[in-house]
Protein backbone atom coordinates (compact mmCIF):
# COMPACT_ATOMS: atom_id res chain seq x y z
CA MET A 1 -0.13 -0.04 -0.03
CA PRO A 2 1.53 3.55 -1.17
CA VAL A 3 2.32 5.85 1.76
CA ALA A 4 1.89 9.75 0.70
CA GLY A 5 4.47 11.04 -0.34
CA LYS A 6 6.85 7.83 -0.15
CA ASN A 7 6.89 5.59 -2.99
CA ILE A 8 10.14 3.72 -3.44
CA LYS A 9 10.56 0.47 -1.47
CA TRP A 10 13.67 -1.71 -1.42
CA THR A 11 14.06 -5.03 0.20
CA LEU A 12 17.19 -7.43 0.50
CA SER A 13 16.94 -10.95 -1.02
CA ARG A 14 17.44 -12.61 2.45
CA PRO A 15 15.95 -11.70 5.90
CA ALA A 16 18.23 -9.17 7.78
CA LYS A 17 17.82 -6.76 10.51
CA LEU A 18 19.79 -3.49 9.48
CA PRO A 19 20.87 -0.81 12.51
CA SER A 20 20.64 2.66 11.11
CA SER A 21 23.23 5.11 11.57
CA ALA A 22 21.99 7.95 9.53
CA LYS A 23 19.25 9.77 7.49
CA ASP A 24 19.98 12.43 4.84
CA GLY A 25 23.48 12.80 5.98
CA ALA A 26 23.39 13.54 9.37
CA ASP A 27 24.24 10.60 12.30
CA LEU A 28 21.18 9.67 14.06
CA PRO A 29 21.05 10.19 18.15
CA PRO A 30 20.77 6.60 19.64
CA GLU A 31 17.27 6.69 20.47
CA GLN A 32 16.59 7.05 16.56
CA ALA A 33 19.12 4.57 15.37
CA LEU A 34 16.85 1.75 15.28
CA THR A 35 17.12 -1.60 13.98
CA GLY A 36 14.86 -3.36 11.77
CA PRO A 37 13.91 -5.46 8.95
CA ALA A 38 15.83 -5.17 5.59
CA SER A 39 12.93 -3.59 3.82
CA LEU A 40 11.77 0.51 3.73
CA VAL A 41 9.60 2.64 1.98
CA ILE A 42 11.29 6.23 1.31
CA ALA A 43 10.47 9.17 -0.48
CA PRO A 44 12.73 10.26 -3.79
CA GLY A 45 15.64 12.12 -2.17
CA GLU A 46 15.60 10.46 0.96
CA THR A 47 19.00 8.87 1.78
CA TYR A 48 19.92 6.37 4.71
CA ASP A 49 23.05 4.69 5.99
CA PHE A 50 23.03 1.02 7.63
CA LYS A 51 25.90 -0.59 8.83
CA PHE A 52 25.43 -4.32 7.97
CA ARG A 53 27.75 -7.01 7.15
CA PRO A 54 25.84 -10.23 5.54
CA GLU A 55 26.54 -13.60 6.18
CA GLU A 56 26.66 -14.52 2.65
CA GLU A 57 28.49 -13.11 -0.25
CA SER A 58 26.30 -12.03 -2.55
CA LEU A 59 22.49 -10.85 -2.17
CA GLN A 60 20.00 -8.79 -4.03
CA LEU A 61 18.33 -5.71 -3.50
CA SER A 62 15.19 -5.06 -5.26
CA LEU A 63 14.07 -1.39 -5.62
CA GLU A 64 10.43 -0.96 -6.30
CA ILE A 65 8.64 2.27 -7.72
CA VAL A 66 5.39 1.44 -6.35
CA LEU A 67 2.90 4.07 -7.97
CA LEU A 68 4.61 3.03 -11.58
CA LYS A 69 4.63 -0.61 -10.55
CA GLU A 70 8.40 -0.65 -11.66
CA LYS A 71 10.89 -2.94 -10.25
CA LEU A 72 14.76 -3.16 -10.61
CA THR A 73 17.28 -5.77 -8.80
CA GLN A 74 20.75 -5.74 -8.50
CA ALA A 75 23.16 -8.33 -7.45
CA ILE A 76 25.24 -7.27 -4.81
CA SER A 77 28.54 -9.11 -3.91
CA VAL A 78 30.20 -8.86 -0.74
CA GLY A 79 34.16 -10.09 0.17
CA PRO A 80 37.31 -10.67 -1.53
CA GLU A 81 35.82 -11.75 -4.66
CA ALA A 82 33.75 -8.52 -4.90
CA SER A 83 36.88 -6.38 -5.25
CA LYS A 84 38.23 -8.44 -8.41
């Protein structure tokens, strides 16, 4: 369900808890730095920083523009092989 002003949804391919550390370039105070599921609905222009180290070496990040029903999936590689 679309939320007013927030129409981009992103998710990771595996369940994970992501601790947020910053929003829109500003560090979050401890009471706002929450850990939540790896799924978020945001508005265009919003940015978030997360500290996350996956157990798997490969994941997929999915972005969905809710109102346009467009979806993009990007593979993510983490670890020694990712830098080659």
